[in-house]
Each structure stands twice: as C-alpha cells, then as structure tokens.
Amino acid sequence: MAFVEPLLAQMRESTNAAPPFGPGSGEKQFGEIMDRVL
C-alpha cells in the first residue's frame, strides 16, 4: 500500500497511448482496484 501501489498508480496515470491503445472506460473505472491487487 505504501510503496508499490503508488508507483503502479503513477505509471497507469502517466500513459499517453493513442486512443485505440489508451485505457478504456473499464480500466479507468477499475484501475485503482487493479493497482491494489497487483
């Protein structure tokens, strides 16, 4: 929670992929949960 999750969240938020490859609505909605589990 204190070290790894913030790094994953920062990596997820800093993605600048083009629209077909960028995060979809599901990934945006469940991104935090995915970061926590991963």
Full PDB file with SEQRES, HELIX, SHEET, SSBOND, CRYST1, ORIGX, SCALE, CONECT and MASTER records, all heavy atoms in Angstrom:
SEQRES   1 A   38  MET ALA PHE VAL GLU PRO LEU LEU ALA GLN MET ARG GLU          
SEQRES   2 A   38  SER THR ASN ALA ALA PRO PRO PHE GLY PRO GLY SER GLY          
SEQRES   3 A   38  GLU LYS GLN PHE GLY GLU ILE MET ASP ARG VAL LEU              
HELIX    1 AA1 VAL A    4  GLU A   13  1                                  10    
HELIX    2 AA2 SER A   25  VAL A   37  1                                  13    
CRYST1    1.000    1.000    1.000  90.00  90.00  90.00 P 1           1          
ORIGX1      1.000000  0.000000  0.000000        0.00000                         
ORIGX2      0.000000  1.000000  0.000000        0.00000                         
ORIGX3      0.000000  0.000000  1.000000        0.00000                         
SCALE1      1.000000  0.000000  0.000000        0.00000                         
SCALE2      0.000000  1.000000  0.000000        0.00000                         
SCALE3      0.000000  0.000000  1.000000        0.00000                         
ATOM      1  N   MET A   1       0.819  -1.213   0.000  1.00  0.00           N  
ATOM      2  CA  MET A   1       0.000   0.000   0.000  1.00  0.00           C  
ATOM      3  C   MET A   1       0.857   1.269   0.000  1.00  0.00           C  
ATOM      4  O   MET A   1       0.532   2.224  -0.693  1.00  0.00           O  
ATOM      5  CB  MET A   1      -0.909  -0.004   1.235  1.00  0.00           C  
ATOM      6  CG  MET A   1      -1.788   1.210   1.352  1.00  0.00           C  
ATOM      7  SD  MET A   1      -2.788   1.199   2.850  1.00  0.00           S  
ATOM      8  CE  MET A   1      -1.523   1.335   4.105  1.00  0.00           C  
ATOM      9  N   ALA A   2       1.933   1.271   0.755  1.00  0.00           N  
ATOM     10  CA  ALA A   2       2.712   2.490   0.926  1.00  0.00           C  
ATOM     11  C   ALA A   2       3.737   2.734  -0.181  1.00  0.00           C  
ATOM     12  O   ALA A   2       4.061   3.886  -0.468  1.00  0.00           O  
ATOM     13  CB  ALA A   2       3.426   2.463   2.275  1.00  0.00           C  
ATOM     14  N   PHE A   3       4.244   1.673  -0.790  1.00  0.00           N  
ATOM     15  CA  PHE A   3       5.326   1.851  -1.747  1.00  0.00           C  
ATOM     16  C   PHE A   3       4.992   1.405  -3.169  1.00  0.00           C  
ATOM     17  O   PHE A   3       5.244   2.134  -4.128  1.00  0.00           O  
ATOM     18  CB  PHE A   3       6.581   1.110  -1.263  1.00  0.00           C  
ATOM     19  CG  PHE A   3       7.098   1.635   0.045  1.00  0.00           C  
ATOM     20  CD1 PHE A   3       6.946   0.904   1.210  1.00  0.00           C  
ATOM     21  CD2 PHE A   3       7.719   2.866   0.116  1.00  0.00           C  
ATOM     22  CE1 PHE A   3       7.396   1.384   2.418  1.00  0.00           C  
ATOM     23  CE2 PHE A   3       8.177   3.364   1.321  1.00  0.00           C  
ATOM     24  CZ  PHE A   3       8.018   2.624   2.479  1.00  0.00           C  
ATOM     25  N   VAL A   4       4.452   0.211  -3.324  1.00  0.00           N  
ATOM     26  CA  VAL A   4       4.254  -0.343  -4.662  1.00  0.00           C  
ATOM     27  C   VAL A   4       3.002   0.221  -5.332  1.00  0.00           C  
ATOM     28  O   VAL A   4       3.037   0.601  -6.506  1.00  0.00           O  
ATOM     29  CB  VAL A   4       4.205  -1.887  -4.607  1.00  0.00           C  
ATOM     30  CG1 VAL A   4       3.981  -2.470  -5.991  1.00  0.00           C  
ATOM     31  CG2 VAL A   4       5.495  -2.433  -4.002  1.00  0.00           C  
ATOM     32  N   GLU A   5       1.902   0.304  -4.604  1.00  0.00           N  
ATOM     33  CA  GLU A   5       0.642   0.791  -5.189  1.00  0.00           C  
ATOM     34  C   GLU A   5       0.756   2.210  -5.745  1.00  0.00           C  
ATOM     35  O   GLU A   5       0.287   2.471  -6.856  1.00  0.00           O  
ATOM     36  CB  GLU A   5      -0.481   0.701  -4.158  1.00  0.00           C  
ATOM     37  CG  GLU A   5      -1.847   0.967  -4.725  1.00  0.00           C  
ATOM     38  CD  GLU A   5      -2.937   0.758  -3.699  1.00  0.00           C  
ATOM     39  OE1 GLU A   5      -2.748  -0.001  -2.735  1.00  0.00           O  
ATOM     40  OE2 GLU A   5      -3.995   1.374  -3.873  1.00  0.00           O  
ATOM     41  N   PRO A   6       1.388   3.161  -5.041  1.00  0.00           N  
ATOM     42  CA  PRO A   6       1.537   4.498  -5.630  1.00  0.00           C  
ATOM     43  C   PRO A   6       2.364   4.502  -6.921  1.00  0.00           C  
ATOM     44  O   PRO A   6       2.082   5.270  -7.839  1.00  0.00           O  
ATOM     45  CB  PRO A   6       2.242   5.306  -4.541  1.00  0.00           C  
ATOM     46  CG  PRO A   6       1.927   4.605  -3.277  1.00  0.00           C  
ATOM     47  CD  PRO A   6       1.815   3.155  -3.636  1.00  0.00           C  
ATOM     48  N   LEU A   7       3.370   3.626  -6.992  1.00  0.00           N  
ATOM     49  CA  LEU A   7       4.161   3.539  -8.223  1.00  0.00           C  
ATOM     50  C   LEU A   7       3.320   3.025  -9.386  1.00  0.00           C  
ATOM     51  O   LEU A   7       3.391   3.548 -10.502  1.00  0.00           O  
ATOM     52  CB  LEU A   7       5.370   2.629  -8.015  1.00  0.00           C  
ATOM     53  CG  LEU A   7       6.462   3.156  -7.093  1.00  0.00           C  
ATOM     54  CD1 LEU A   7       7.516   2.085  -6.861  1.00  0.00           C  
ATOM     55  CD2 LEU A   7       7.085   4.408  -7.675  1.00  0.00           C  
ATOM     56  N   LEU A   8       2.512   2.002  -9.122  1.00  0.00           N  
ATOM     57  CA  LEU A   8       1.640   1.468 -10.174  1.00  0.00           C  
ATOM     58  C   LEU A   8       0.613   2.508 -10.610  1.00  0.00           C  
ATOM     59  O   LEU A   8       0.329   2.652 -11.798  1.00  0.00           O  
ATOM     60  CB  LEU A   8       0.939   0.197  -9.696  1.00  0.00           C  
ATOM     61  CG  LEU A   8       1.824  -1.015  -9.453  1.00  0.00           C  
ATOM     62  CD1 LEU A   8       1.016  -2.151  -8.859  1.00  0.00           C  
ATOM     63  CD2 LEU A   8       2.494  -1.452 -10.747  1.00  0.00           C  
ATOM     64  N   ALA A   9       0.059   3.242  -9.654  1.00  0.00           N  
ATOM     65  CA  ALA A   9      -0.930   4.278  -9.991  1.00  0.00           C  
ATOM     66  C   ALA A   9      -0.294   5.378 -10.837  1.00  0.00           C  
ATOM     67  O   ALA A   9      -0.892   5.843 -11.819  1.00  0.00           O  
ATOM     68  CB  ALA A   9      -1.519   4.870  -8.717  1.00  0.00           C  
ATOM     69  N   GLN A  10       0.916   5.771 -10.481  1.00  0.00           N  
ATOM     70  CA  GLN A  10       1.603   6.809 -11.251  1.00  0.00           C  
ATOM     71  C   GLN A  10       1.909   6.318 -12.662  1.00  0.00           C  
ATOM     72  O   GLN A  10       1.744   7.064 -13.632  1.00  0.00           O  
ATOM     73  CB  GLN A  10       2.890   7.212 -10.548  1.00  0.00           C  
ATOM     74  CG  GLN A  10       3.595   8.367 -11.215  1.00  0.00           C  
ATOM     75  CD  GLN A  10       4.836   8.797 -10.454  1.00  0.00           C  
ATOM     76  OE1 GLN A  10       5.256   8.153  -9.493  1.00  0.00           O  
ATOM     77  NE2 GLN A  10       5.430   9.892 -10.885  1.00  0.00           N  
ATOM     78  N   MET A  11       2.313   5.072 -12.799  1.00  0.00           N  
ATOM     79  CA  MET A  11       2.584   4.532 -14.133  1.00  0.00           C  
ATOM     80  C   MET A  11       1.307   4.465 -14.969  1.00  0.00           C  
ATOM     81  O   MET A  11       1.312   4.803 -16.146  1.00  0.00           O  
ATOM     82  CB  MET A  11       3.206   3.130 -14.019  1.00  0.00           C  
ATOM     83  CG  MET A  11       4.631   3.148 -13.563  1.00  0.00           C  
ATOM     84  SD  MET A  11       5.446   1.539 -13.320  1.00  0.00           S  
ATOM     85  CE  MET A  11       4.397   0.353 -14.030  1.00  0.00           C  
ATOM     86  N   ARG A  12       0.213   4.052 -14.323  1.00  0.00           N  
ATOM     87  CA  ARG A  12      -1.062   3.948 -15.036  1.00  0.00           C  
ATOM     88  C   ARG A  12      -1.558   5.323 -15.481  1.00  0.00           C  
ATOM     89  O   ARG A  12      -2.047   5.497 -16.589  1.00  0.00           O  
ATOM     90  CB  ARG A  12      -2.106   3.274 -14.141  1.00  0.00           C  
ATOM     91  CG  ARG A  12      -3.448   3.070 -14.786  1.00  0.00           C  
ATOM     92  CD  ARG A  12      -4.418   2.346 -13.885  1.00  0.00           C  
ATOM     93  NE  ARG A  12      -4.404   2.753 -12.492  1.00  0.00           N  
ATOM     94  CZ  ARG A  12      -5.033   3.829 -12.013  1.00  0.00           C  
ATOM     95  NH1 ARG A  12      -5.714   4.598 -12.813  1.00  0.00           N  
ATOM     96  NH2 ARG A  12      -4.980   4.132 -10.729  1.00  0.00           N  
ATOM     97  N   GLU A  13      -1.411   6.325 -14.630  1.00  0.00           N  
ATOM     98  CA  GLU A  13      -1.896   7.664 -14.944  1.00  0.00           C  
ATOM     99  C   GLU A  13      -1.021   8.393 -15.959  1.00  0.00           C  
ATOM    100  O   GLU A  13      -1.488   9.309 -16.631  1.00  0.00           O  
ATOM    101  CB  GLU A  13      -2.000   8.491 -13.667  1.00  0.00           C  
ATOM    102  CG  GLU A  13      -3.094   8.006 -12.749  1.00  0.00           C  
ATOM    103  CD  GLU A  13      -3.055   8.658 -11.383  1.00  0.00           C  
ATOM    104  OE1 GLU A  13      -2.169   9.511 -11.161  1.00  0.00           O  
ATOM    105  OE2 GLU A  13      -3.900   8.306 -10.549  1.00  0.00           O  
ATOM    106  N   SER A  14       0.229   8.005 -16.082  1.00  0.00           N  
ATOM    107  CA  SER A  14       1.133   8.717 -16.977  1.00  0.00           C  
ATOM    108  C   SER A  14       1.179   8.148 -18.389  1.00  0.00           C  
ATOM    109  O   SER A  14       1.977   8.586 -19.202  1.00  0.00           O  
ATOM    110  CB  SER A  14       2.546   8.741 -16.395  1.00  0.00           C  
ATOM    111  OG  SER A  14       3.083   7.435 -16.379  1.00  0.00           O  
ATOM    112  N   THR A  15       0.312   7.200 -18.692  1.00  0.00           N  
ATOM    113  CA  THR A  15       0.300   6.633 -20.037  1.00  0.00           C  
ATOM    114  C   THR A  15      -0.275   7.637 -21.030  1.00  0.00           C  
ATOM    115  O   THR A  15      -1.271   8.297 -20.760  1.00  0.00           O  
ATOM    116  CB  THR A  15      -0.475   5.306 -20.094  1.00  0.00           C  
ATOM    117  OG1 THR A  15      -0.360   4.782 -21.407  1.00  0.00           O  
ATOM    118  CG2 THR A  15      -1.938   5.474 -19.767  1.00  0.00           C  
ATOM    119  N   ASN A  16       0.381   7.782 -22.147  1.00  0.00           N  
ATOM    120  CA  ASN A  16      -0.060   8.708 -23.193  1.00  0.00           C  
ATOM    121  C   ASN A  16      -0.315   7.959 -24.495  1.00  0.00           C  
ATOM    122  O   ASN A  16      -0.012   8.448 -25.575  1.00  0.00           O  
ATOM    123  CB  ASN A  16       0.991   9.804 -23.428  1.00  0.00           C  
ATOM    124  CG  ASN A  16       1.144  10.704 -22.228  1.00  0.00           C  
ATOM    125  OD1 ASN A  16       0.179  10.949 -21.508  1.00  0.00           O  
ATOM    126  ND2 ASN A  16       2.342  11.188 -21.981  1.00  0.00           N  
ATOM    127  N   ALA A  17      -0.898   6.802 -24.386  1.00  0.00           N  
ATOM    128  CA  ALA A  17      -1.152   5.987 -25.561  1.00  0.00           C  
ATOM    129  C   ALA A  17      -2.255   6.604 -26.414  1.00  0.00           C  
ATOM    130  O   ALA A  17      -3.155   7.275 -25.910  1.00  0.00           O  
ATOM    131  CB  ALA A  17      -1.543   4.579 -25.151  1.00  0.00           C  
ATOM    132  N   ALA A  18      -2.181   6.355 -27.706  1.00  0.00           N  
ATOM    133  CA  ALA A  18      -3.191   6.848 -28.642  1.00  0.00           C  
ATOM    134  C   ALA A  18      -4.537   6.186 -28.339  1.00  0.00           C  
ATOM    135  O   ALA A  18      -4.591   5.104 -27.755  1.00  0.00           O  
ATOM    136  CB  ALA A  18      -2.751   6.537 -30.068  1.00  0.00           C  
ATOM    137  N   PRO A  19      -5.649   6.812 -28.735  1.00  0.00           N  
ATOM    138  CA  PRO A  19      -6.987   6.320 -28.375  1.00  0.00           C  
ATOM    139  C   PRO A  19      -7.260   4.825 -28.581  1.00  0.00           C  
ATOM    140  O   PRO A  19      -7.809   4.224 -27.675  1.00  0.00           O  
ATOM    141  CB  PRO A  19      -7.911   7.170 -29.235  1.00  0.00           C  
ATOM    142  CG  PRO A  19      -7.174   8.441 -29.412  1.00  0.00           C  
ATOM    143  CD  PRO A  19      -5.717   8.059 -29.467  1.00  0.00           C  
ATOM    144  N   PRO A  20      -6.885   4.194 -29.645  1.00  0.00           N  
ATOM    145  CA  PRO A  20      -7.230   2.768 -29.682  1.00  0.00           C  
ATOM    146  C   PRO A  20      -6.439   1.942 -28.670  1.00  0.00           C  
ATOM    147  O   PRO A  20      -6.851   0.864 -28.280  1.00  0.00           O  
ATOM    148  CB  PRO A  20      -6.902   2.323 -31.100  1.00  0.00           C  
ATOM    149  CG  PRO A  20      -6.257   3.454 -31.784  1.00  0.00           C  
ATOM    150  CD  PRO A  20      -6.311   4.644 -30.895  1.00  0.00           C  
ATOM    151  N   PHE A  21      -5.280   2.447 -28.243  1.00  0.00           N  
ATOM    152  CA  PHE A  21      -4.429   1.696 -27.328  1.00  0.00           C  
ATOM    153  C   PHE A  21      -4.444   2.265 -25.919  1.00  0.00           C  
ATOM    154  O   PHE A  21      -3.863   1.693 -25.017  1.00  0.00           O  
ATOM    155  CB  PHE A  21      -2.986   1.675 -27.845  1.00  0.00           C  
ATOM    156  CG  PHE A  21      -2.884   1.090 -29.210  1.00  0.00           C  
ATOM    157  CD1 PHE A  21      -2.649   1.905 -30.306  1.00  0.00           C  
ATOM    158  CD2 PHE A  21      -3.053  -0.267 -29.407  1.00  0.00           C  
ATOM    159  CE1 PHE A  21      -2.571   1.371 -31.569  1.00  0.00           C  
ATOM    160  CE2 PHE A  21      -2.969  -0.804 -30.679  1.00  0.00           C  
ATOM    161  CZ  PHE A  21      -2.724   0.016 -31.768  1.00  0.00           C  
ATOM    162  N   GLY A  22      -5.095   3.386 -25.726  1.00  0.00           N  
ATOM    163  CA  GLY A  22      -5.189   4.019 -24.416  1.00  0.00           C  
ATOM    164  C   GLY A  22      -6.150   3.259 -23.514  1.00  0.00           C  
ATOM    165  O   GLY A  22      -6.851   2.348 -23.944  1.00  0.00           O  
ATOM    166  N   PRO A  23      -6.181   3.642 -22.245  1.00  0.00           N  
ATOM    167  CA  PRO A  23      -7.069   2.946 -21.312  1.00  0.00           C  
ATOM    168  C   PRO A  23      -8.534   3.169 -21.653  1.00  0.00           C  
ATOM    169  O   PRO A  23      -8.948   4.277 -21.979  1.00  0.00           O  
ATOM    170  CB  PRO A  23      -6.717   3.560 -19.957  1.00  0.00           C  
ATOM    171  CG  PRO A  23      -6.031   4.836 -20.262  1.00  0.00           C  
ATOM    172  CD  PRO A  23      -5.416   4.690 -21.616  1.00  0.00           C  
ATOM    173  N   GLY A  24      -9.308   2.112 -21.585  1.00  0.00           N  
ATOM    174  CA  GLY A  24     -10.738   2.193 -21.842  1.00  0.00           C  
ATOM    175  C   GLY A  24     -11.491   2.580 -20.577  1.00  0.00           C  
ATOM    176  O   GLY A  24     -10.898   2.814 -19.524  1.00  0.00           O  
ATOM    177  N   SER A  25     -12.800   2.622 -20.679  1.00  0.00           N  
ATOM    178  CA  SER A  25     -13.602   3.043 -19.528  1.00  0.00           C  
ATOM    179  C   SER A  25     -13.499   2.041 -18.380  1.00  0.00           C  
ATOM    180  O   SER A  25     -13.483   2.432 -17.219  1.00  0.00           O  
ATOM    181  CB  SER A  25     -15.055   3.227 -19.943  1.00  0.00           C  
ATOM    182  OG  SER A  25     -15.594   2.000 -20.407  1.00  0.00           O  
ATOM    183  N   GLY A  26     -13.414   0.752 -18.691  1.00  0.00           N  
ATOM    184  CA  GLY A  26     -13.271  -0.263 -17.652  1.00  0.00           C  
ATOM    185  C   GLY A  26     -11.961  -0.128 -16.903  1.00  0.00           C  
ATOM    186  O   GLY A  26     -11.914  -0.240 -15.678  1.00  0.00           O  
ATOM    187  N   GLU A  27     -10.890   0.097 -17.635  1.00  0.00           N  
ATOM    188  CA  GLU A  27      -9.586   0.260 -16.989  1.00  0.00           C  
ATOM    189  C   GLU A  27      -9.559   1.528 -16.145  1.00  0.00           C  
ATOM    190  O   GLU A  27      -8.977   1.541 -15.063  1.00  0.00           O  
ATOM    191  CB  GLU A  27      -8.485   0.317 -18.039  1.00  0.00           C  
ATOM    192  CG  GLU A  27      -7.091   0.327 -17.441  1.00  0.00           C  
ATOM    193  CD  GLU A  27      -5.999   0.273 -18.474  1.00  0.00           C  
ATOM    194  OE1 GLU A  27      -6.295   0.019 -19.659  1.00  0.00           O  
ATOM    195  OE2 GLU A  27      -4.838   0.501 -18.109  1.00  0.00           O  
ATOM    196  N   LYS A  28     -10.201   2.578 -16.615  1.00  0.00           N  
ATOM    197  CA  LYS A  28     -10.263   3.806 -15.826  1.00  0.00           C  
ATOM    198  C   LYS A  28     -11.085   3.596 -14.562  1.00  0.00           C  
ATOM    199  O   LYS A  28     -10.748   4.091 -13.502  1.00  0.00           O  
ATOM    200  CB  LYS A  28     -10.856   4.942 -16.652  1.00  0.00           C  
ATOM    201  CG  LYS A  28      -9.915   5.436 -17.735  1.00  0.00           C  
ATOM    202  CD  LYS A  28     -10.559   6.525 -18.565  1.00  0.00           C  
ATOM    203  CE  LYS A  28      -9.644   6.961 -19.690  1.00  0.00           C  
ATOM    204  NZ  LYS A  28     -10.278   7.963 -20.559  1.00  0.00           N  
ATOM    205  N   GLN A  29     -12.178   2.847 -14.679  1.00  0.00           N  
ATOM    206  CA  GLN A  29     -13.061   2.631 -13.540  1.00  0.00           C  
ATOM    207  C   GLN A  29     -12.439   1.706 -12.500  1.00  0.00           C  
ATOM    208  O   GLN A  29     -12.555   1.945 -11.305  1.00  0.00           O  
ATOM    209  CB  GLN A  29     -14.388   2.042 -14.011  1.00  0.00           C  
ATOM    210  CG  GLN A  29     -15.407   1.871 -12.909  1.00  0.00           C  
ATOM    211  CD  GLN A  29     -16.739   1.364 -13.433  1.00  0.00           C  
ATOM    212  OE1 GLN A  29     -16.875   1.054 -14.606  1.00  0.00           O  
ATOM    213  NE2 GLN A  29     -17.716   1.267 -12.559  1.00  0.00           N  
ATOM    214  N   PHE A  30     -11.776   0.660 -12.940  1.00  0.00           N  
ATOM    215  CA  PHE A  30     -11.241  -0.332 -12.018  1.00  0.00           C  
ATOM    216  C   PHE A  30      -9.722  -0.245 -11.862  1.00  0.00           C  
ATOM    217  O   PHE A  30      -9.102  -1.140 -11.285  1.00  0.00           O  
ATOM    218  CB  PHE A  30     -11.620  -1.739 -12.483  1.00  0.00           C  
ATOM    219  CG  PHE A  30     -13.092  -2.003 -12.409  1.00  0.00           C  
ATOM    220  CD1 PHE A  30     -13.848  -2.046 -13.560  1.00  0.00           C  
ATOM    221  CD2 PHE A  30     -13.714  -2.189 -11.190  1.00  0.00           C  
ATOM    222  CE1 PHE A  30     -15.214  -2.282 -13.504  1.00  0.00           C  
ATOM    223  CE2 PHE A  30     -15.067  -2.423 -11.119  1.00  0.00           C  
ATOM    224  CZ  PHE A  30     -15.825  -2.473 -12.275  1.00  0.00           C  
ATOM    225  N   GLY A  31      -9.115   0.821 -12.344  1.00  0.00           N  
ATOM    226  CA  GLY A  31      -7.662   0.965 -12.271  1.00  0.00           C  
ATOM    227  C   GLY A  31      -7.116   0.930 -10.864  1.00  0.00           C  
ATOM    228  O   GLY A  31      -6.097   0.288 -10.594  1.00  0.00           O  
ATOM    229  N   GLU A  32      -7.767   1.617  -9.937  1.00  0.00           N  
ATOM    230  CA  GLU A  32      -7.286   1.644  -8.557  1.00  0.00           C  
ATOM    231  C   GLU A  32      -7.365   0.270  -7.912  1.00  0.00           C  
ATOM    232  O   GLU A  32      -6.461  -0.133  -7.175  1.00  0.00           O  
ATOM    233  CB  GLU A  32      -8.089   2.654  -7.746  1.00  0.00           C  
ATOM    234  CG  GLU A  32      -7.842   4.080  -8.155  1.00  0.00           C  
ATOM    235  CD  GLU A  32      -8.689   5.058  -7.356  1.00  0.00           C  
ATOM    236  OE1 GLU A  32      -9.118   4.702  -6.241  1.00  0.00           O  
ATOM    237  OE2 GLU A  32      -8.903   6.167  -7.848  1.00  0.00           O  
ATOM    238  N   ILE A  33      -8.435  -0.448  -8.184  1.00  0.00           N  
ATOM    239  CA  ILE A  33      -8.574  -1.795  -7.629  1.00  0.00           C  
ATOM    240  C   ILE A  33      -7.507  -2.708  -8.225  1.00  0.00           C  
ATOM    241  O   ILE A  33      -6.889  -3.507  -7.523  1.00  0.00           O  
ATOM    242  CB  ILE A  33      -9.988  -2.353  -7.885  1.00  0.00           C  
ATOM    243  CG1 ILE A  33     -11.018  -1.527  -7.124  1.00  0.00           C  
ATOM    244  CG2 ILE A  33     -10.086  -3.819  -7.477  1.00  0.00           C  
ATOM    245  CD1 ILE A  33     -12.452  -1.864  -7.455  1.00  0.00           C  
ATOM    246  N   MET A  34      -7.269  -2.560  -9.505  1.00  0.00           N  
ATOM    247  CA  MET A  34      -6.250  -3.361 -10.164  1.00  0.00           C  
ATOM    248  C   MET A  34      -4.869  -3.057  -9.578  1.00  0.00           C  
ATOM    249  O   MET A  34      -4.073  -3.972  -9.341  1.00  0.00           O  
ATOM    250  CB  MET A  34      -6.264  -3.092 -11.673  1.00  0.00           C  
ATOM    251  CG  MET A  34      -5.387  -4.023 -12.464  1.00  0.00           C  
ATOM    252  SD  MET A  34      -5.602  -3.829 -14.239  1.00  0.00           S  
ATOM    253  CE  MET A  34      -4.749  -2.294 -14.518  1.00  0.00           C  
ATOM    254  N   ASP A  35      -4.585  -1.779  -9.317  1.00  0.00           N  
ATOM    255  CA  ASP A  35      -3.312  -1.404  -8.703  1.00  0.00           C  
ATOM    256  C   ASP A  35      -3.163  -2.056  -7.326  1.00  0.00           C  
ATOM    257  O   ASP A  35      -2.105  -2.563  -6.982  1.00  0.00           O  
ATOM    258  CB  ASP A  35      -3.199   0.110  -8.550  1.00  0.00           C  
ATOM    259  CG  ASP A  35      -3.096   0.833  -9.884  1.00  0.00           C  
ATOM    260  OD1 ASP A  35      -2.756   0.181 -10.891  1.00  0.00           O  
ATOM    261  OD2 ASP A  35      -3.357   2.051  -9.905  1.00  0.00           O  
ATOM    262  N   ARG A  36      -4.238  -2.042  -6.555  1.00  0.00           N  
ATOM    263  CA  ARG A  36      -4.204  -2.611  -5.205  1.00  0.00           C  
ATOM    264  C   ARG A  36      -3.924  -4.108  -5.250  1.00  0.00           C  
ATOM    265  O   ARG A  36      -3.061  -4.621  -4.537  1.00  0.00           O  
ATOM    266  CB  ARG A  36      -5.532  -2.337  -4.496  1.00  0.00           C  
ATOM    267  CG  ARG A  36      -5.537  -2.766  -3.039  1.00  0.00           C  
ATOM    268  CD  ARG A  36      -6.812  -2.363  -2.317  1.00  0.00           C  
ATOM    269  NE  ARG A  36      -7.058  -0.944  -2.489  1.00  0.00           N  
ATOM    270  CZ  ARG A  36      -8.207  -0.438  -2.949  1.00  0.00           C  
ATOM    271  NH1 ARG A  36      -9.200  -1.234  -3.255  1.00  0.00           N  
ATOM    272  NH2 ARG A  36      -8.367   0.861  -3.087  1.00  0.00           N  
ATOM    273  N   VAL A  37      -4.633  -4.812  -6.103  1.00  0.00           N  
ATOM    274  CA  VAL A  37      -4.465  -6.267  -6.192  1.00  0.00           C  
ATOM    275  C   VAL A  37      -3.081  -6.619  -6.732  1.00  0.00           C  
ATOM    276  O   VAL A  37      -2.386  -7.484  -6.191  1.00  0.00           O  
ATOM    277  CB  VAL A  37      -5.570  -6.880  -7.074  1.00  0.00           C  
ATOM    278  CG1 VAL A  37      -5.295  -8.339  -7.362  1.00  0.00           C  
ATOM    279  CG2 VAL A  37      -6.929  -6.708  -6.420  1.00  0.00           C  
ATOM    280  N   LEU A  38      -2.663  -5.938  -7.775  1.00  0.00           N  
ATOM    281  CA  LEU A  38      -1.364  -6.222  -8.376  1.00  0.00           C  
ATOM    282  C   LEU A  38      -0.218  -5.906  -7.416  1.00  0.00           C  
ATOM    283  O   LEU A  38       0.755  -6.664  -7.336  1.00  0.00           O  
ATOM    284  CB  LEU A  38      -1.200  -5.442  -9.683  1.00  0.00           C  
ATOM    285  CG  LEU A  38       0.053  -5.725 -10.494  1.00  0.00           C  
ATOM    286  CD1 LEU A  38       0.116  -7.201 -10.877  1.00  0.00           C  
ATOM    287  CD2 LEU A  38       0.070  -4.866 -11.747  1.00  0.00           C  
TER     288      LEU A  38                                                      
MASTER        0    0    0    2    0    0    0    6  287    1    0    3          
END                                                                             
